[in-house]
Protein backbone atom coordinates (compact mmCIF):
# COMPACT_ATOMS: atom_id res chain seq x y z
CA GLN A 1 42.90 106.81 153.04
CA VAL A 2 46.41 105.36 152.08
CA GLN A 3 47.78 106.44 149.09
CA LEU A 4 51.00 106.06 147.42
CA VAL A 5 53.02 109.26 147.23
CA GLU A 6 55.87 109.72 144.80
CA SER A 7 59.07 112.19 145.50
CA GLY A 8 62.24 113.13 143.77
CA GLY A 9 61.77 114.32 140.77
CA GLY A 10 62.91 117.55 138.93
CA LEU A 11 65.11 119.36 136.69
CA VAL A 12 68.27 117.78 135.86
CA GLN A 13 70.66 117.82 133.02
CA ALA A 14 71.32 115.71 130.38
CA GLY A 15 73.79 113.38 132.03
CA GLY A 16 72.96 113.51 136.00
CA SER A 17 70.97 111.23 138.16
CA LEU A 18 67.95 111.14 140.23
CA ARG A 19 66.45 108.80 142.86
CA LEU A 20 62.61 108.35 143.06
CA SER A 21 61.27 107.32 145.91
CA CYS A 22 58.27 105.77 146.35
CA ALA A 23 55.55 104.49 149.67
CA PRO A 24 52.69 104.14 151.28
CA SER A 25 51.63 107.50 153.11
CA GLY A 26 49.80 105.58 155.78
CA SER A 27 49.01 102.58 157.50
CA PHE A 28 48.09 99.40 154.99
CA PHE A 29 47.35 95.75 155.31
CA SER A 30 49.41 94.80 152.48
CA ILE A 31 52.00 95.71 149.50
CA ASN A 32 53.27 94.22 146.59
CA ALA A 33 54.31 94.45 143.03
CA MET A 34 55.53 98.08 143.43
CA GLY A 35 57.42 99.32 140.38
CA TRP A 36 56.91 102.42 138.23
CA TYR A 37 55.56 104.02 134.84
CA ARG A 38 55.91 106.95 132.98
CA GLN A 39 54.38 109.07 130.53
CA ALA A 40 55.39 111.92 128.07
CA PRO A 41 53.34 114.25 126.48
CA GLY A 42 51.77 112.89 123.45
CA LYS A 43 52.77 109.51 124.69
CA GLN A 44 51.48 106.44 126.12
CA ARG A 45 52.29 105.47 129.63
CA GLU A 46 54.58 103.10 129.25
CA LEU A 47 56.63 100.06 132.39
CA VAL A 48 60.03 101.48 133.26
CA ALA A 49 60.89 99.00 135.61
CA ALA A 50 58.61 96.83 138.21
CA TYR A 51 59.07 94.05 140.72
CA THR A 52 56.53 91.19 139.61
CA SER A 53 54.88 89.23 142.10
CA GLY A 54 57.27 86.33 142.11
CA GLY A 55 60.73 89.11 143.22
CA THR A 56 62.06 89.19 140.03
CA THR A 57 62.40 92.43 138.00
CA ASN A 58 61.11 93.71 134.73
CA TYR A 59 62.80 97.34 132.31
CA ALA A 60 61.73 99.05 129.88
CA ASP A 61 64.40 98.33 126.78
CA SER A 62 64.93 102.21 126.78
CA VAL A 63 66.53 102.30 130.33
CA LYS A 64 68.25 98.94 130.80
CA GLY A 65 72.07 99.76 131.95
CA ARG A 66 70.88 103.39 133.30
CA PHE A 67 68.01 103.05 135.90
CA THR A 68 68.32 100.12 138.38
CA ILE A 69 64.63 99.52 140.54
CA SER A 70 65.51 98.53 144.33
CA ARG A 71 63.27 98.37 147.52
CA ASP A 72 64.18 98.69 151.20
CA ASN A 73 60.68 96.02 152.65
CA ALA A 74 61.57 97.42 156.11
CA LYS A 75 60.22 101.11 154.77
CA ASN A 76 58.05 99.45 152.93
CA THR A 77 59.78 101.96 150.02
CA VAL A 78 60.46 101.30 146.27
CA TYR A 79 63.12 103.20 144.56
CA LEU A 80 64.24 104.09 141.22
CA GLN A 81 67.76 105.13 140.83
CA MET A 82 68.05 107.16 137.15
CA ASN A 83 71.26 107.49 135.76
CA SER A 84 73.11 109.46 132.66
CA LEU A 85 69.21 110.64 132.21
CA LYS A 86 68.57 111.70 128.77
CA PRO A 87 66.05 114.37 127.56
CA GLU A 88 63.83 111.33 126.20
CA ASP A 89 63.83 110.40 129.86
CA THR A 90 61.79 113.47 130.33
CA ALA A 91 57.40 112.21 131.81
CA VAL A 92 55.75 112.08 134.81
CA TYR A 93 56.64 108.82 136.30
CA TYR A 94 54.32 107.33 138.65
CA CYS A 95 54.47 104.90 140.81
CA ASN A 96 52.27 101.39 140.82
CA ALA A 97 51.69 98.45 143.06
CA ILE A 98 48.76 96.35 144.95
CA LEU A 99 48.45 98.30 148.03
CA ASN A 100 45.10 96.52 150.09
CA GLY A 101 44.80 94.12 147.23
CA TRP A 102 43.53 96.87 144.88
CA ARG A 103 46.17 98.13 141.82
CA SER A 104 46.94 101.51 142.97
CA TRP A 105 48.74 104.35 141.50
CA GLY A 106 50.77 107.45 142.96
CA GLN A 107 49.57 111.20 141.84
CA GLY A 108 53.11 111.50 139.92
CA THR A 109 56.38 113.24 139.95
CA GLN A 110 57.64 115.29 137.08
CA VAL A 111 61.37 114.54 135.46
CA THR A 112 62.19 117.02 132.85
CA VAL A 113 66.04 116.17 131.97
CA SER A 114 67.18 119.37 129.84
CA SER A 115 69.61 118.89 126.92
């Protein structure tokens, strides 16, 4: 069964950087609108950055200028480059995509930013 799998999370000091990756775990028919969400304790899940079905990008205001979403079509992989990390960025980061026609979520990867 194909799933979205995130990687690259971890513990980093404030001001540091991490790059998250997300890709399907196996064979699939189609994948579109890949993006990243996050959820911190006590807060609702929020959009971080995503590609629309039209190929444009959306960013949360809180990460503009610091985070960059990118993709490698040959690898069917989406990345989230996170620079100038802040403690407020601490959350579980989830990959999201329309996989085989269904809105699908990864299991999440923890990002912890220490002060």
